[in-house]
N, C-alpha and C. Protein backbone atom coordinates (compact mmCIF):
# COMPACT_ATOMS: atom_id res chain seq x y z
N UNK A 1 53.96 206.66 31.80
CA UNK A 1 55.28 206.20 31.44
C UNK A 1 55.15 205.12 30.38
N UNK A 2 55.72 205.33 29.26
CA UNK A 2 55.73 204.27 28.26
C UNK A 2 57.14 204.18 27.70
N UNK A 3 57.65 202.98 27.71
CA UNK A 3 59.02 202.76 27.26
C UNK A 3 59.07 202.29 25.82
N UNK A 4 58.12 201.49 25.43
CA UNK A 4 58.13 200.93 24.08
C UNK A 4 56.70 200.72 23.63
N UNK A 5 56.45 200.75 22.33
CA UNK A 5 55.10 200.50 21.87
C UNK A 5 54.70 199.08 22.19
N UNK A 6 53.45 198.89 22.55
CA UNK A 6 52.95 197.55 22.83
C UNK A 6 52.47 196.91 21.55
N UNK A 7 52.75 195.64 21.36
CA UNK A 7 52.22 194.97 20.18
C UNK A 7 50.71 194.84 20.31
N UNK A 8 49.99 194.76 19.20
CA UNK A 8 48.54 194.62 19.29
C UNK A 8 48.17 193.32 19.98
N UNK A 9 47.09 193.35 20.75
CA UNK A 9 46.63 192.15 21.45
C UNK A 9 46.04 191.18 20.44
N UNK A 10 46.26 189.88 20.64
CA UNK A 10 45.66 188.89 19.75
C UNK A 10 44.14 188.97 19.82
N UNK A 11 43.47 188.73 18.71
CA UNK A 11 42.02 188.86 18.65
C UNK A 11 41.30 187.58 19.05
N UNK A 12 41.97 186.46 19.00
CA UNK A 12 41.29 185.19 19.26
C UNK A 12 42.15 184.34 20.18
N UNK A 13 41.50 183.62 21.09
CA UNK A 13 42.25 182.73 21.98
C UNK A 13 42.84 181.55 21.21
N UNK A 14 42.38 181.32 20.00
CA UNK A 14 42.90 180.20 19.20
C UNK A 14 44.19 180.57 18.48
N UNK A 15 44.62 181.79 18.62
CA UNK A 15 45.84 182.21 17.93
C UNK A 15 47.01 182.28 18.89
N UNK A 16 47.34 181.13 19.49
CA UNK A 16 48.43 181.11 20.46
C UNK A 16 49.77 181.48 19.82
N UNK A 17 49.94 181.16 18.54
CA UNK A 17 51.18 181.53 17.85
C UNK A 17 51.32 183.04 17.78
N UNK A 18 50.22 183.74 17.50
CA UNK A 18 50.23 185.21 17.46
C UNK A 18 50.56 185.76 18.84
N UNK A 19 49.95 185.19 19.88
CA UNK A 19 50.19 185.63 21.25
C UNK A 19 51.66 185.42 21.62
N UNK A 20 52.21 184.27 21.26
CA UNK A 20 53.61 183.98 21.54
C UNK A 20 54.51 184.96 20.82
N UNK A 21 54.19 185.28 19.57
CA UNK A 21 54.97 186.24 18.80
C UNK A 21 54.90 187.62 19.44
N UNK A 22 53.72 188.03 19.92
CA UNK A 22 53.56 189.33 20.57
C UNK A 22 54.38 189.39 21.85
N UNK A 23 54.35 188.33 22.63
CA UNK A 23 55.14 188.29 23.86
C UNK A 23 56.62 188.35 23.53
N UNK A 24 57.05 187.59 22.55
CA UNK A 24 58.46 187.60 22.15
C UNK A 24 58.88 188.99 21.68
N UNK A 25 58.00 189.68 20.94
CA UNK A 25 58.32 191.03 20.47
C UNK A 25 58.44 191.99 21.65
N UNK A 26 57.55 191.86 22.63
CA UNK A 26 57.62 192.72 23.82
C UNK A 26 58.90 192.48 24.59
N UNK A 27 59.23 191.22 24.79
CA UNK A 27 60.46 190.90 25.52
C UNK A 27 61.69 191.39 24.76
N UNK A 28 61.67 191.26 23.45
CA UNK A 28 62.80 191.73 22.65
C UNK A 28 62.95 193.24 22.79
N UNK A 29 61.84 193.97 22.78
CA UNK A 29 61.90 195.43 22.95
C UNK A 29 62.45 195.79 24.31
N UNK A 30 62.03 195.08 25.35
CA UNK A 30 62.54 195.35 26.70
C UNK A 30 64.03 195.04 26.76
N UNK A 31 64.45 193.93 26.18
CA UNK A 31 65.87 193.58 26.21
C UNK A 31 66.70 194.60 25.46
N UNK A 32 66.22 195.07 24.31
CA UNK A 32 66.96 196.10 23.57
C UNK A 32 67.11 197.35 24.42
N UNK A 33 66.03 197.75 25.08
CA UNK A 33 66.08 198.95 25.92
C UNK A 33 67.01 198.72 27.10
N UNK A 34 66.95 197.53 27.68
CA UNK A 34 67.79 197.22 28.84
C UNK A 34 69.26 197.20 28.47
N UNK A 35 69.58 196.73 27.28
CA UNK A 35 70.99 196.62 26.89
C UNK A 35 71.55 197.94 26.39
N UNK A 36 70.74 198.98 26.37
CA UNK A 36 71.22 200.29 25.92
C UNK A 36 71.30 200.38 24.41
N UNK A 37 70.52 199.58 23.72
CA UNK A 37 70.55 199.58 22.26
C UNK A 37 70.04 200.91 21.72
N UNK A 38 70.30 201.13 20.49
CA UNK A 38 69.92 202.37 19.81
C UNK A 38 68.41 202.56 19.83
N UNK A 39 67.99 203.82 20.00
CA UNK A 39 66.57 204.14 19.99
C UNK A 39 65.95 203.83 18.64
N UNK A 40 66.76 203.77 17.61
CA UNK A 40 66.24 203.48 16.27
C UNK A 40 65.63 202.09 16.20
N UNK A 41 65.98 201.21 17.14
CA UNK A 41 65.43 199.86 17.13
C UNK A 41 63.95 199.87 17.51
N UNK A 42 63.49 200.90 18.18
CA UNK A 42 62.08 201.05 18.52
C UNK A 42 61.63 202.34 17.85
N UNK A 43 61.09 202.24 16.65
CA UNK A 43 60.75 203.44 15.88
C UNK A 43 59.90 204.42 16.67
N UNK A 44 60.33 205.69 16.66
CA UNK A 44 59.57 206.74 17.30
C UNK A 44 59.75 206.84 18.79
N UNK A 45 60.62 206.03 19.37
CA UNK A 45 60.83 206.04 20.81
C UNK A 45 62.31 206.02 21.14
N UNK A 46 62.64 206.70 22.22
CA UNK A 46 64.01 206.64 22.71
C UNK A 46 64.11 205.47 23.67
N UNK A 47 65.29 204.86 23.73
CA UNK A 47 65.50 203.79 24.69
C UNK A 47 65.48 204.40 26.09
N UNK A 48 64.59 203.93 26.97
CA UNK A 48 64.50 204.50 28.31
C UNK A 48 65.67 204.07 29.17
N UNK A 49 66.05 204.94 30.07
CA UNK A 49 67.14 204.61 30.98
C UNK A 49 66.62 203.68 32.06
N UNK A 50 67.54 203.05 32.77
CA UNK A 50 67.17 202.18 33.89
C UNK A 50 66.38 202.99 34.91
N UNK A 51 66.83 204.20 35.22
CA UNK A 51 66.14 205.02 36.21
C UNK A 51 64.72 205.36 35.76
N UNK A 52 64.54 205.61 34.46
CA UNK A 52 63.20 205.90 33.93
C UNK A 52 62.30 204.68 34.10
N UNK A 53 62.80 203.49 33.78
CA UNK A 53 61.99 202.28 33.91
C UNK A 53 61.60 202.05 35.36
N UNK A 54 62.54 202.27 36.27
CA UNK A 54 62.22 202.09 37.68
C UNK A 54 61.19 203.10 38.15
N UNK A 55 61.26 204.33 37.66
CA UNK A 55 60.29 205.35 38.06
C UNK A 55 58.90 204.98 37.53
N UNK A 56 58.85 204.26 36.42
CA UNK A 56 57.57 203.91 35.80
C UNK A 56 56.90 202.73 36.48
N UNK A 57 57.63 201.97 37.27
CA UNK A 57 57.05 200.82 37.95
C UNK A 57 56.03 201.31 38.99
N UNK A 58 54.83 200.78 38.92
CA UNK A 58 53.83 201.12 39.93
C UNK A 58 54.28 200.59 41.27
N UNK A 59 53.98 201.34 42.32
CA UNK A 59 54.37 200.93 43.66
C UNK A 59 53.17 200.96 44.59
N UNK A 60 53.31 200.27 45.68
CA UNK A 60 52.35 200.29 46.78
C UNK A 60 53.07 200.89 47.97
N UNK A 61 52.36 201.67 48.75
CA UNK A 61 52.96 202.26 49.94
C UNK A 61 52.51 201.46 51.16
N UNK A 62 53.46 200.93 51.90
CA UNK A 62 53.16 200.17 53.10
C UNK A 62 52.81 201.12 54.24
N UNK A 63 52.28 200.57 55.31
CA UNK A 63 51.83 201.38 56.44
C UNK A 63 52.96 202.23 57.05
N UNK A 64 54.21 201.75 56.92
CA UNK A 64 55.34 202.51 57.46
C UNK A 64 55.88 203.54 56.47
N UNK A 65 55.22 203.66 55.31
CA UNK A 65 55.62 204.65 54.31
C UNK A 65 56.58 204.12 53.26
N UNK A 66 57.07 202.91 53.43
CA UNK A 66 58.00 202.34 52.45
C UNK A 66 57.24 201.99 51.17
N UNK A 67 57.85 202.33 50.03
CA UNK A 67 57.25 201.99 48.74
C UNK A 67 57.82 200.66 48.25
N UNK A 68 56.92 199.82 47.73
CA UNK A 68 57.29 198.50 47.26
C UNK A 68 56.73 198.34 45.84
N UNK A 69 57.52 197.74 44.96
CA UNK A 69 57.07 197.49 43.59
C UNK A 69 55.78 196.69 43.59
N UNK A 70 54.83 197.10 42.75
CA UNK A 70 53.54 196.42 42.66
C UNK A 70 53.67 195.05 41.99
N UNK A 71 54.70 194.88 41.17
CA UNK A 71 54.96 193.60 40.51
C UNK A 71 56.29 193.09 41.01
N UNK A 72 56.29 191.87 41.50
CA UNK A 72 57.52 191.29 42.01
C UNK A 72 57.93 190.06 41.22
N UNK A 73 59.00 189.45 41.69
CA UNK A 73 59.53 188.25 41.04
C UNK A 73 59.39 187.07 42.00
N UNK A 74 58.71 186.04 41.56
CA UNK A 74 58.60 184.82 42.34
C UNK A 74 59.74 183.87 41.97
N UNK A 75 60.07 182.97 42.88
CA UNK A 75 61.22 182.10 42.65
C UNK A 75 60.91 180.61 42.78
N UNK A 76 59.65 180.24 42.72
CA UNK A 76 59.30 178.83 42.77
C UNK A 76 59.91 178.15 41.55
N UNK A 77 60.56 177.03 41.73
CA UNK A 77 61.27 176.23 40.72
C UNK A 77 62.65 176.78 40.39
N UNK A 78 63.02 177.91 40.94
CA UNK A 78 64.39 178.41 40.75
C UNK A 78 65.29 177.66 41.73
N UNK A 79 66.50 177.37 41.30
CA UNK A 79 67.46 176.69 42.16
C UNK A 79 67.36 175.17 42.13
N UNK A 80 66.49 174.65 41.30
CA UNK A 80 66.32 173.20 41.24
C UNK A 80 67.34 172.53 40.34
N UNK A 81 67.82 173.25 39.33
CA UNK A 81 68.76 172.70 38.36
C UNK A 81 70.08 173.47 38.44
N UNK A 82 71.15 172.88 38.98
CA UNK A 82 72.42 173.61 39.11
C UNK A 82 72.93 174.20 37.80
N UNK A 83 72.66 173.56 36.68
CA UNK A 83 73.12 174.06 35.39
C UNK A 83 72.40 175.33 34.94
N UNK A 84 71.32 175.68 35.60
CA UNK A 84 70.53 176.87 35.24
C UNK A 84 70.87 178.08 36.11
N UNK A 85 71.76 177.91 37.08
CA UNK A 85 72.03 178.97 38.06
C UNK A 85 72.40 180.31 37.42
N UNK A 86 73.34 180.31 36.48
CA UNK A 86 73.76 181.57 35.86
C UNK A 86 72.59 182.26 35.17
N UNK A 87 71.78 181.49 34.47
CA UNK A 87 70.63 182.05 33.76
C UNK A 87 69.60 182.59 34.75
N UNK A 88 69.38 181.88 35.86
CA UNK A 88 68.41 182.31 36.86
C UNK A 88 68.86 183.59 37.56
N UNK A 89 70.15 183.65 37.91
CA UNK A 89 70.69 184.87 38.52
C UNK A 89 70.54 186.04 37.56
N UNK A 90 70.89 185.82 36.29
CA UNK A 90 70.77 186.88 35.28
C UNK A 90 69.33 187.34 35.13
N UNK A 91 68.38 186.40 35.14
CA UNK A 91 66.96 186.76 34.99
C UNK A 91 66.49 187.61 36.16
N UNK A 92 66.86 187.24 37.38
CA UNK A 92 66.48 188.04 38.55
C UNK A 92 67.10 189.43 38.48
N UNK A 93 68.36 189.50 38.08
CA UNK A 93 69.02 190.80 37.97
C UNK A 93 68.36 191.67 36.91
N UNK A 94 67.98 191.07 35.79
CA UNK A 94 67.30 191.84 34.74
C UNK A 94 65.96 192.36 35.26
N UNK A 95 65.26 191.53 36.02
CA UNK A 95 64.00 191.97 36.63
C UNK A 95 64.20 193.17 37.55
N UNK A 96 65.27 193.13 38.34
CA UNK A 96 65.58 194.26 39.23
C UNK A 96 65.83 195.51 38.38
N UNK A 97 66.59 195.37 37.31
CA UNK A 97 66.88 196.50 36.43
C UNK A 97 65.60 197.07 35.82
N UNK A 98 64.61 196.22 35.58
CA UNK A 98 63.35 196.66 35.00
C UNK A 98 62.39 197.22 36.04
N UNK A 99 62.79 197.21 37.31
CA UNK A 99 61.97 197.79 38.35
C UNK A 99 61.21 196.79 39.21
N UNK A 100 61.36 195.50 38.92
CA UNK A 100 60.70 194.48 39.74
C UNK A 100 61.61 194.16 40.92
N UNK A 101 61.58 195.05 41.90
CA UNK A 101 62.52 194.97 43.01
C UNK A 101 61.98 194.21 44.21
N UNK A 102 60.75 193.72 44.14
CA UNK A 102 60.23 192.84 45.18
C UNK A 102 60.54 191.41 44.74
N UNK A 103 61.25 190.68 45.58
CA UNK A 103 61.59 189.29 45.25
C UNK A 103 61.01 188.40 46.35
N UNK A 104 60.24 187.40 45.93
CA UNK A 104 59.57 186.48 46.83
C UNK A 104 60.21 185.11 46.71
N UNK A 105 60.65 184.56 47.83
CA UNK A 105 61.27 183.25 47.84
C UNK A 105 60.80 182.50 49.08
N UNK A 106 61.33 181.31 49.31
CA UNK A 106 60.95 180.52 50.47
C UNK A 106 62.00 179.45 50.72
N UNK A 107 62.11 179.05 51.98
CA UNK A 107 63.07 177.99 52.30
C UNK A 107 62.70 176.68 51.63
N UNK A 108 61.42 176.47 51.33
CA UNK A 108 61.01 175.21 50.72
C UNK A 108 61.30 175.14 49.22
N UNK A 109 61.49 176.25 48.55
CA UNK A 109 61.74 176.23 47.11
C UNK A 109 63.13 175.64 46.87
N UNK A 110 63.14 174.47 46.26
CA UNK A 110 64.37 173.73 45.99
C UNK A 110 65.16 173.50 47.28
N UNK A 111 64.42 173.34 48.39
CA UNK A 111 65.04 173.10 49.71
C UNK A 111 66.16 174.10 49.99
N UNK A 112 65.89 175.37 49.77
CA UNK A 112 66.86 176.43 50.02
C UNK A 112 67.62 176.87 48.78
N UNK A 113 67.53 176.11 47.71
CA UNK A 113 68.24 176.45 46.48
C UNK A 113 67.80 177.77 45.88
N UNK A 114 66.51 178.08 45.97
CA UNK A 114 66.03 179.36 45.44
C UNK A 114 66.62 180.52 46.24
N UNK A 115 66.71 180.36 47.55
CA UNK A 115 67.31 181.43 48.37
C UNK A 115 68.78 181.62 48.01
N UNK A 116 69.48 180.54 47.72
CA UNK A 116 70.88 180.65 47.28
C UNK A 116 70.99 181.47 45.98
N UNK A 117 70.12 181.19 45.03
CA UNK A 117 70.13 181.90 43.75
C UNK A 117 69.78 183.38 43.98
N UNK A 118 68.76 183.64 44.79
CA UNK A 118 68.39 185.02 45.09
C UNK A 118 69.57 185.74 45.74
N UNK A 119 70.24 185.07 46.68
CA UNK A 119 71.41 185.67 47.33
C UNK A 119 72.47 186.09 46.32
N UNK A 120 72.72 185.24 45.33
CA UNK A 120 73.70 185.59 44.30
C UNK A 120 73.21 186.77 43.45
N UNK A 121 71.91 186.81 43.17
CA UNK A 121 71.35 187.87 42.32
C UNK A 121 71.37 189.23 43.01
N UNK A 122 71.20 189.25 44.32
CA UNK A 122 71.13 190.53 45.03
C UNK A 122 72.45 190.93 45.69
N UNK A 123 73.47 190.12 45.51
CA UNK A 123 74.77 190.43 46.12
C UNK A 123 75.24 191.81 45.67
N UNK A 124 75.58 192.65 46.63
CA UNK A 124 76.05 194.00 46.34
C UNK A 124 74.95 195.00 46.05
N UNK A 125 73.70 194.56 46.09
CA UNK A 125 72.59 195.49 45.81
C UNK A 125 71.38 195.20 46.68
N UNK A 126 71.62 194.69 47.86
CA UNK A 126 70.54 194.34 48.79
C UNK A 126 69.61 195.52 49.06
N UNK A 127 70.18 196.73 49.15
CA UNK A 127 69.38 197.91 49.48
C UNK A 127 68.37 198.28 48.39
N UNK A 128 68.50 197.71 47.21
CA UNK A 128 67.58 197.99 46.10
C UNK A 128 66.35 197.09 46.10
N UNK A 129 66.35 196.08 46.94
CA UNK A 129 65.36 195.01 46.85
C UNK A 129 64.51 194.94 48.12
N UNK A 130 63.21 194.68 47.94
CA UNK A 130 62.33 194.33 49.05
C UNK A 130 62.24 192.82 49.04
N UNK A 131 62.78 192.19 50.06
CA UNK A 131 62.97 190.74 50.09
C UNK A 131 61.91 190.07 50.97
N UNK A 132 61.21 189.11 50.38
CA UNK A 132 60.19 188.34 51.08
C UNK A 132 60.63 186.88 51.09
N UNK A 133 60.56 186.24 52.25
CA UNK A 133 60.79 184.80 52.31
C UNK A 133 59.74 184.19 53.22
N UNK A 134 59.64 182.87 53.15
CA UNK A 134 58.61 182.17 53.90
C UNK A 134 59.21 180.96 54.63
N UNK A 135 58.66 180.69 55.80
CA UNK A 135 59.10 179.57 56.62
C UNK A 135 58.15 178.39 56.42
N UNK A 136 58.73 177.19 56.41
CA UNK A 136 57.92 175.97 56.40
C UNK A 136 57.06 175.91 57.66
N UNK A 137 55.84 175.40 57.58
CA UNK A 137 55.03 175.27 58.79
C UNK A 137 55.68 174.39 59.86
N UNK A 138 56.40 173.35 59.47
CA UNK A 138 57.01 172.48 60.47
C UNK A 138 58.21 173.15 61.17
N UNK A 139 58.64 174.31 60.67
CA UNK A 139 59.70 175.08 61.34
C UNK A 139 59.14 176.28 62.09
N UNK A 140 57.81 176.36 62.22
CA UNK A 140 57.19 177.56 62.79
C UNK A 140 56.99 177.51 64.30
N UNK A 141 57.71 176.65 64.98
CA UNK A 141 57.60 176.62 66.44
C UNK A 141 58.40 177.77 67.04
N UNK A 142 58.23 177.99 68.32
CA UNK A 142 58.96 179.05 69.02
C UNK A 142 60.47 178.88 68.87
N UNK A 143 60.95 177.64 68.89
CA UNK A 143 62.39 177.38 68.74
C UNK A 143 62.81 177.26 67.28
N UNK A 144 61.93 176.66 66.47
CA UNK A 144 62.28 176.38 65.08
C UNK A 144 62.31 177.60 64.17
N UNK A 145 61.44 178.57 64.42
CA UNK A 145 61.34 179.72 63.53
C UNK A 145 62.63 180.56 63.50
N UNK A 146 63.21 180.91 64.65
CA UNK A 146 64.46 181.70 64.58
C UNK A 146 65.59 180.94 63.87
N UNK A 147 65.66 179.63 64.08
CA UNK A 147 66.71 178.84 63.43
C UNK A 147 66.49 178.79 61.92
N UNK A 148 65.23 178.63 61.49
CA UNK A 148 64.91 178.61 60.06
C UNK A 148 65.23 179.97 59.44
N UNK A 149 64.91 181.03 60.14
CA UNK A 149 65.19 182.37 59.63
C UNK A 149 66.70 182.58 59.47
N UNK A 150 67.47 182.14 60.44
CA UNK A 150 68.94 182.26 60.35
C UNK A 150 69.49 181.49 59.16
N UNK A 151 68.95 180.30 58.90
CA UNK A 151 69.39 179.53 57.72
C UNK A 151 69.06 180.27 56.43
N UNK A 152 67.86 180.85 56.38
CA UNK A 152 67.47 181.63 55.19
C UNK A 152 68.39 182.83 55.00
N UNK A 153 68.67 183.54 56.07
CA UNK A 153 69.57 184.70 55.98
C UNK A 153 70.95 184.29 55.48
N UNK A 154 71.43 183.16 55.95
CA UNK A 154 72.74 182.66 55.51
C UNK A 154 72.72 182.35 54.01
N UNK A 155 71.67 181.66 53.55
CA UNK A 155 71.57 181.34 52.12
C UNK A 155 71.42 182.61 51.28
N UNK A 156 70.68 183.58 51.78
CA UNK A 156 70.45 184.83 51.06
C UNK A 156 71.66 185.76 51.11
N UNK A 157 72.57 185.50 52.04
CA UNK A 157 73.78 186.33 52.17
C UNK A 157 73.48 187.74 52.64
N UNK A 158 72.49 187.88 53.50
CA UNK A 158 72.15 189.22 53.99
C UNK A 158 71.80 189.17 55.47
N UNK A 159 71.60 190.33 56.04
CA UNK A 159 71.32 190.42 57.47
C UNK A 159 69.84 190.56 57.79
N UNK A 160 69.03 190.93 56.81
CA UNK A 160 67.61 191.13 57.06
C UNK A 160 66.76 190.60 55.91
N UNK A 161 65.55 190.21 56.28
CA UNK A 161 64.49 189.87 55.34
C UNK A 161 63.40 190.90 55.61
N UNK A 162 62.90 191.55 54.58
CA UNK A 162 61.93 192.62 54.79
C UNK A 162 60.57 192.11 55.26
N UNK A 163 60.15 190.97 54.77
CA UNK A 163 58.87 190.38 55.16
C UNK A 163 59.06 188.88 55.24
N UNK A 164 58.87 188.34 56.43
CA UNK A 164 59.05 186.90 56.66
C UNK A 164 57.68 186.32 56.98
N UNK A 165 57.23 185.41 56.14
CA UNK A 165 55.87 184.88 56.24
C UNK A 165 55.85 183.41 56.61
N UNK A 166 54.75 182.99 57.21
CA UNK A 166 54.47 181.57 57.39
C UNK A 166 53.86 181.09 56.08
N UNK A 167 54.49 180.09 55.45
CA UNK A 167 54.05 179.66 54.12
C UNK A 167 52.59 179.21 54.13
N UNK A 168 52.21 178.42 55.10
CA UNK A 168 50.82 178.06 55.35
C UNK A 168 50.76 177.58 56.79
N UNK A 169 49.57 177.63 57.38
CA UNK A 169 49.44 177.24 58.78
C UNK A 169 49.58 175.74 58.92
N UNK A 170 50.36 175.32 59.89
CA UNK A 170 50.57 173.91 60.18
C UNK A 170 50.09 173.57 61.57
N UNK A 171 50.82 172.67 62.22
CA UNK A 171 50.38 172.17 63.53
C UNK A 171 50.62 173.14 64.67
N UNK A 172 51.53 174.13 64.47
CA UNK A 172 51.82 175.06 65.55
C UNK A 172 50.79 176.19 65.56
N UNK A 173 50.20 176.48 66.73
CA UNK A 173 49.21 177.57 66.78
C UNK A 173 49.88 178.92 66.49
N UNK A 174 49.15 179.80 65.84
CA UNK A 174 49.70 181.10 65.50
C UNK A 174 50.11 181.88 66.75
N UNK A 175 49.43 181.65 67.87
CA UNK A 175 49.78 182.35 69.10
C UNK A 175 51.20 182.03 69.55
N UNK A 176 51.68 180.83 69.21
CA UNK A 176 53.04 180.45 69.60
C UNK A 176 54.05 181.25 68.80
């Protein structure tokens, strides 16, 4: 599956300007394809449909048979600046359109702010996304974990989280 020609790779690590230009050209090509722009903007290629781009995304098959995008979207630092919310929601939605349907967030990212942004981005399209969130270690007790999960679900505006992880091991034993 190829949607657009790739720019040539920079030949030297000292040519960061060339690398930046190549990345900008790649992103511009993806944006043109995403916006439904004319195929003439990418010489020799037709603008791929959203469904084509999603089919081209590599996936991993979980033990239960569910397929998950091999490349996901992380949300660390998202939700920290209220003035960036619209841009962050738009970026997550564009990622979903490009096939990056695995979204990873955590209650600790912006103290729940990232989960709020993710909730806005996936509103009305929860079934398209594989949602991962993580619990703070200090909330990982027998009583604290269900309450933390409920808070995350409320911020995300959904009823389920596909994979709920312990962010890192803390004072509570894993057996608990």
